[in-house]
């Protein structure tokens, strides 16, 4: 009779060996995977969101939209837009100017009804106006005050280099 009492214990041992240990191993593996996912996901999110958090580079298309809005929507460009345009023209040169011309003519040559022009004006103001989605504070609507200059623009320029020795300037 002692042998019959051991049978349920043996079954329990077999079940433990065949089911619980592999389950424990599997859970351990998933836990490792989950830890890995938990570590990688925030980095991936930060990597994917980084471009959205940074301002977009000023492109020839941006310049064309802003100039078109100045001529058709009665907007005014800000000092920030002038600085970005000057920097882009200086670094891009003829290529920037050619791409700007193509983009501007594409916008200007299209015939639009008044309602579509108004819609495009609103879209451009939403892209480049105060609190804009693409590059904020490049234009303002007619009659609005331009935004105050940013802290980066308000910093004083570096001191001029000292005059060379040996030559007097009057």
C-alpha atoms as a PDB file:
ATOM      1  CA  UNK A   1       0.000   0.000   0.000  1.00  0.00           C
ATOM      2  CA  UNK A   2       2.848   2.264   0.483  1.00  0.00           C
ATOM      3  CA  UNK A   3       3.501   2.118  -3.249  1.00  0.00           C
ATOM      4  CA  UNK A   4       0.048   3.394  -4.066  1.00  0.00           C
ATOM      5  CA  UNK A   5       0.546   6.435  -1.804  1.00  0.00           C
ATOM      6  CA  UNK A   6       3.738   7.304  -3.638  1.00  0.00           C
ATOM      7  CA  UNK A   7       1.971   7.339  -7.002  1.00  0.00           C
ATOM      8  CA  UNK A   8       0.253  10.742  -6.469  1.00  0.00           C
ATOM      9  CA  UNK A   9       3.549  12.143  -5.200  1.00  0.00           C
ATOM     10  CA  UNK A  10       5.306  10.794  -8.276  1.00  0.00           C
ATOM     11  CA  UNK A  11       2.673  12.362 -10.509  1.00  0.00           C
ATOM     12  CA  UNK A  12       3.153  15.685  -8.740  1.00  0.00           C
ATOM     13  CA  UNK A  13       6.904  15.435  -9.220  1.00  0.00           C
ATOM     14  CA  UNK A  14       6.492  14.613 -12.907  1.00  0.00           C
ATOM     15  CA  UNK A  15       4.058  17.516 -13.366  1.00  0.00           C
ATOM     16  CA  UNK A  16       6.471  19.814 -11.575  1.00  0.00           C
ATOM     17  CA  UNK A  17       9.372  18.643 -13.716  1.00  0.00           C
ATOM     18  CA  UNK A  18       7.501  18.805 -16.994  1.00  0.00           C
ATOM     19  CA  UNK A  19       5.291  21.875 -16.544  1.00  0.00           C
ATOM     20  CA  UNK A  20       6.409  24.196 -13.787  1.00  0.00           C
ATOM     21  CA  UNK A  21      10.161  24.318 -14.496  1.00  0.00           C
ATOM     22  CA  UNK A  22       9.716  25.086 -18.206  1.00  0.00           C
ATOM     23  CA  UNK A  23       7.086  27.637 -17.229  1.00  0.00           C
ATOM     24  CA  UNK A  24       9.506  29.229 -14.795  1.00  0.00           C
ATOM     25  CA  UNK A  25      12.203  29.238 -17.494  1.00  0.00           C
ATOM     26  CA  UNK A  26       9.813  30.781 -19.993  1.00  0.00           C
ATOM     27  CA  UNK A  27       8.664  33.427 -17.552  1.00  0.00           C
ATOM     28  CA  UNK A  28      12.259  34.229 -16.775  1.00  0.00           C
ATOM     29  CA  UNK A  29      12.978  34.622 -20.472  1.00  0.00           C
ATOM     30  CA  UNK A  30       9.953  36.857 -20.993  1.00  0.00           C
ATOM     31  CA  UNK A  31      10.937  38.884 -17.965  1.00  0.00           C
ATOM     32  CA  UNK A  32      14.362  39.400 -19.546  1.00  0.00           C
ATOM     33  CA  UNK A  33      12.740  40.394 -22.809  1.00  0.00           C
ATOM     34  CA  UNK A  34      10.369  42.715 -21.017  1.00  0.00           C
ATOM     35  CA  UNK A  35      13.253  44.342 -19.158  1.00  0.00           C
ATOM     36  CA  UNK A  36      15.037  44.820 -22.451  1.00  0.00           C
ATOM     37  CA  UNK A  37      11.935  46.336 -24.049  1.00  0.00           C
ATOM     38  CA  UNK A  38      11.408  48.638 -21.072  1.00  0.00           C
ATOM     39  CA  UNK A  39      14.975  49.861 -21.420  1.00  0.00           C
ATOM     40  CA  UNK A  40      14.866  50.341 -25.196  1.00  0.00           C
ATOM     41  CA  UNK A  41      11.412  51.892 -25.635  1.00  0.00           C
ATOM     42  CA  UNK A  42      12.202  55.240 -23.940  1.00  0.00           C
ATOM     43  CA  UNK A  43      15.345  55.599 -26.045  1.00  0.00           C
ATOM     44  CA  UNK A  44      13.388  54.831 -29.197  1.00  0.00           C
ATOM     45  CA  UNK A  45      10.688  57.338 -28.304  1.00  0.00           C
ATOM     46  CA  UNK A  46      13.306  60.002 -27.564  1.00  0.00           C
ATOM     47  CA  UNK A  47      15.064  59.252 -30.848  1.00  0.00           C
ATOM     48  CA  UNK A  48      11.846  59.412 -32.848  1.00  0.00           C
ATOM     49  CA  UNK A  49      10.588  62.563 -31.139  1.00  0.00           C
ATOM     50  CA  UNK A  50      13.872  64.464 -31.280  1.00  0.00           C
ATOM     51  CA  UNK A  51      13.245  65.848 -34.779  1.00  0.00           C
ATOM     52  CA  UNK A  52       9.800  67.004 -33.739  1.00  0.00           C
ATOM     53  CA  UNK A  53      11.186  68.842 -30.741  1.00  0.00           C
ATOM     54  CA  UNK A  54      13.899  70.592 -32.693  1.00  0.00           C
ATOM     55  CA  UNK A  55      13.075  73.391 -35.087  1.00  0.00           C
ATOM     56  CA  UNK A  56      13.096  72.477 -38.749  1.00  0.00           C
ATOM     57  CA  UNK A  57      15.898  73.891 -40.875  1.00  0.00           C
ATOM     58  CA  UNK A  58      14.920  76.902 -42.995  1.00  0.00           C
ATOM     59  CA  UNK A  59      14.467  75.661 -46.559  1.00  0.00           C
ATOM     60  CA  UNK A  60      13.915  77.374 -49.918  1.00  0.00           C
ATOM     61  CA  UNK A  61      10.293  76.159 -49.786  1.00  0.00           C
ATOM     62  CA  UNK A  62       9.839  77.928 -46.453  1.00  0.00           C
ATOM     63  CA  UNK A  63      11.191  81.160 -47.940  1.00  0.00           C
ATOM     64  CA  UNK A  64       8.871  80.803 -50.941  1.00  0.00           C
ATOM     65  CA  UNK A  65       5.777  80.255 -48.763  1.00  0.00           C
ATOM     66  CA  UNK A  66       6.670  83.255 -46.603  1.00  0.00           C
ATOM     67  CA  UNK A  67       7.259  85.537 -49.589  1.00  0.00           C
ATOM     68  CA  UNK A  68       4.056  84.348 -51.243  1.00  0.00           C
ATOM     69  CA  UNK A  69       2.120  85.054 -48.040  1.00  0.00           C
ATOM     70  CA  UNK A  70       3.647  88.529 -47.864  1.00  0.00           C
ATOM     71  CA  UNK A  71       2.382  89.295 -51.362  1.00  0.00           C
ATOM     72  CA  UNK A  72      -1.021  87.569 -51.120  1.00  0.00           C
ATOM     73  CA  UNK A  73      -1.995  87.388 -47.446  1.00  0.00           C
ATOM     74  CA  UNK A  74      -0.727  90.712 -46.125  1.00  0.00           C
ATOM     75  CA  UNK A  75       1.626  89.124 -43.613  1.00  0.00           C
ATOM     76  CA  UNK A  76       4.823  90.655 -42.284  1.00  0.00           C
ATOM     77  CA  UNK A  77       8.053  88.765 -41.794  1.00  0.00           C
ATOM     78  CA  UNK A  78       9.883  89.024 -38.484  1.00  0.00           C
ATOM     79  CA  UNK A  79      13.531  89.642 -37.643  1.00  0.00           C
ATOM     80  CA  UNK A  80      13.895  85.920 -37.006  1.00  0.00           C
ATOM     81  CA  UNK A  81      12.826  85.182 -40.583  1.00  0.00           C
ATOM     82  CA  UNK A  82      15.268  87.753 -41.955  1.00  0.00           C
ATOM     83  CA  UNK A  83      18.126  86.194 -39.972  1.00  0.00           C
ATOM     84  CA  UNK A  84      17.248  82.657 -41.103  1.00  0.00           C
ATOM     85  CA  UNK A  85      16.895  83.759 -44.732  1.00  0.00           C
ATOM     86  CA  UNK A  86      20.231  85.582 -44.676  1.00  0.00           C
ATOM     87  CA  UNK A  87      21.992  82.603 -43.103  1.00  0.00           C
ATOM     88  CA  UNK A  88      20.411  80.142 -45.560  1.00  0.00           C
ATOM     89  CA  UNK A  89      21.273  82.323 -48.548  1.00  0.00           C
ATOM     90  CA  UNK A  90      24.848  82.711 -47.336  1.00  0.00           C
ATOM     91  CA  UNK A  91      25.328  78.980 -46.790  1.00  0.00           C
ATOM     92  CA  UNK A  92      23.277  77.718 -49.755  1.00  0.00           C
ATOM     93  CA  UNK A  93      24.214  80.345 -52.325  1.00  0.00           C
ATOM     94  CA  UNK A  94      22.974  79.830 -55.868  1.00  0.00           C
ATOM     95  CA  UNK A  95      21.442  76.428 -55.154  1.00  0.00           C
ATOM     96  CA  UNK A  96      19.249  77.883 -52.398  1.00  0.00           C
ATOM     97  CA  UNK A  97      18.198  80.749 -54.687  1.00  0.00           C
ATOM     98  CA  UNK A  98      17.349  78.391 -57.585  1.00  0.00           C
ATOM     99  CA  UNK A  99      15.234  76.126 -55.363  1.00  0.00           C
ATOM    100  CA  UNK A 100      13.539  79.193 -53.889  1.00  0.00           C
ATOM    101  CA  UNK A 101      12.706  80.489 -57.382  1.00  0.00           C
ATOM    102  CA  UNK A 102      11.227  77.125 -58.429  1.00  0.00           C
ATOM    103  CA  UNK A 103       9.107  76.886 -55.281  1.00  0.00           C
ATOM    104  CA  UNK A 104       7.956  80.479 -55.472  1.00  0.00           C
ATOM    105  CA  UNK A 105       6.948  80.235 -59.141  1.00  0.00           C
ATOM    106  CA  UNK A 106       5.112  77.001 -58.429  1.00  0.00           C
ATOM    107  CA  UNK A 107       3.053  78.845 -55.794  1.00  0.00           C
ATOM    108  CA  UNK A 108       2.649  82.107 -57.679  1.00  0.00           C
ATOM    109  CA  UNK A 109       1.809  80.639 -61.077  1.00  0.00           C
ATOM    110  CA  UNK A 110      -1.119  78.581 -59.843  1.00  0.00           C
ATOM    111  CA  UNK A 111      -4.536  80.101 -60.400  1.00  0.00           C
ATOM    112  CA  UNK A 112      -6.663  79.833 -57.267  1.00  0.00           C
ATOM    113  CA  UNK A 113     -10.155  80.963 -56.340  1.00  0.00           C
ATOM    114  CA  UNK A 114     -10.344  83.445 -53.463  1.00  0.00           C
ATOM    115  CA  UNK A 115     -11.543  80.809 -50.987  1.00  0.00           C
ATOM    116  CA  UNK A 116      -8.543  78.579 -51.736  1.00  0.00           C
ATOM    117  CA  UNK A 117      -6.169  81.542 -51.388  1.00  0.00           C
ATOM    118  CA  UNK A 118      -7.677  82.353 -47.979  1.00  0.00           C
ATOM    119  CA  UNK A 119      -7.279  78.728 -46.920  1.00  0.00           C
ATOM    120  CA  UNK A 120      -3.645  78.706 -48.053  1.00  0.00           C
ATOM    121  CA  UNK A 121      -3.025  81.961 -46.193  1.00  0.00           C
ATOM    122  CA  UNK A 122      -4.430  80.438 -42.999  1.00  0.00           C
ATOM    123  CA  UNK A 123      -2.310  77.315 -43.508  1.00  0.00           C
ATOM    124  CA  UNK A 124       0.874  79.335 -44.020  1.00  0.00           C
ATOM    125  CA  UNK A 125       0.132  81.446 -40.948  1.00  0.00           C
ATOM    126  CA  UNK A 126      -0.365  78.194 -39.014  1.00  0.00           C
ATOM    127  CA  UNK A 127       2.966  76.882 -40.307  1.00  0.00           C
ATOM    128  CA  UNK A 128       5.111  79.986 -39.713  1.00  0.00           C
ATOM    129  CA  UNK A 129       3.112  82.358 -37.494  1.00  0.00           C
ATOM    130  CA  UNK A 130       3.169  82.775 -33.721  1.00  0.00           C
ATOM    131  CA  UNK A 131       3.089  79.324 -32.067  1.00  0.00           C
ATOM    132  CA  UNK A 132       3.377  77.689 -35.500  1.00  0.00           C
ATOM    133  CA  UNK A 133       3.753  74.014 -36.287  1.00  0.00           C
ATOM    134  CA  UNK A 134       6.805  74.127 -38.609  1.00  0.00           C
ATOM    135  CA  UNK A 135       9.012  77.083 -37.647  1.00  0.00           C
ATOM    136  CA  UNK A 136       7.291  79.477 -35.250  1.00  0.00           C
ATOM    137  CA  UNK A 137       7.452  83.269 -35.237  1.00  0.00           C
ATOM    138  CA  UNK A 138       8.598  83.890 -38.822  1.00  0.00           C
ATOM    139  CA  UNK A 139       5.533  85.875 -39.911  1.00  0.00           C
ATOM    140  CA  UNK A 140       2.670  87.769 -38.317  1.00  0.00           C
ATOM    141  CA  UNK A 141      -0.694  88.765 -39.735  1.00  0.00           C
ATOM    142  CA  UNK A 142      -1.255  92.346 -40.790  1.00  0.00           C
ATOM    143  CA  UNK A 143      -1.761  94.622 -37.806  1.00  0.00           C
ATOM    144  CA  UNK A 144      -0.312  92.182 -35.248  1.00  0.00           C
ATOM    145  CA  UNK A 145       2.792  92.916 -33.242  1.00  0.00           C
ATOM    146  CA  UNK A 146       5.835  90.736 -33.969  1.00  0.00           C
ATOM    147  CA  UNK A 147       6.910  88.512 -31.074  1.00  0.00           C
ATOM    148  CA  UNK A 148       9.625  89.818 -28.757  1.00  0.00           C
ATOM    149  CA  UNK A 149      13.131  88.734 -29.728  1.00  0.00           C
ATOM    150  CA  UNK A 150      14.257  85.457 -28.196  1.00  0.00           C
ATOM    151  CA  UNK A 151      16.986  85.245 -25.571  1.00  0.00           C
ATOM    152  CA  UNK A 152      19.441  83.937 -28.181  1.00  0.00           C
ATOM    153  CA  UNK A 153      18.823  86.949 -30.420  1.00  0.00           C
ATOM    154  CA  UNK A 154      18.948  89.375 -27.473  1.00  0.00           C
ATOM    155  CA  UNK A 155      22.476  88.381 -26.422  1.00  0.00           C
ATOM    156  CA  UNK A 156      25.030  91.072 -27.181  1.00  0.00           C
ATOM    157  CA  UNK A 157      27.409  90.578 -30.068  1.00  0.00           C
ATOM    158  CA  UNK A 158      30.978  89.617 -29.162  1.00  0.00           C
ATOM    159  CA  UNK A 159      33.367  92.507 -28.694  1.00  0.00           C
ATOM    160  CA  UNK A 160      35.196  93.680 -31.780  1.00  0.00           C
ATOM    161  CA  UNK A 161      38.727  92.449 -32.264  1.00  0.00           C
ATOM    162  CA  UNK A 162      41.394  94.861 -31.056  1.00  0.00           C
ATOM    163  CA  UNK A 163      42.915  97.101 -33.683  1.00  0.00           C
ATOM    164  CA  UNK A 164      46.225  95.909 -35.084  1.00  0.00           C
ATOM    165  CA  UNK A 165      49.297  97.481 -33.501  1.00  0.00           C
ATOM    166  CA  UNK A 166      51.387  99.962 -35.416  1.00  0.00           C
ATOM    167  CA  UNK A 167      48.575 101.706 -37.263  1.00  0.00           C
ATOM    168  CA  UNK A 168      46.503 104.452 -35.738  1.00  0.00           C
ATOM    169  CA  UNK A 169      42.870 104.848 -36.635  1.00  0.00           C
ATOM    170  CA  UNK A 170      41.261 108.225 -36.343  1.00  0.00           C
END
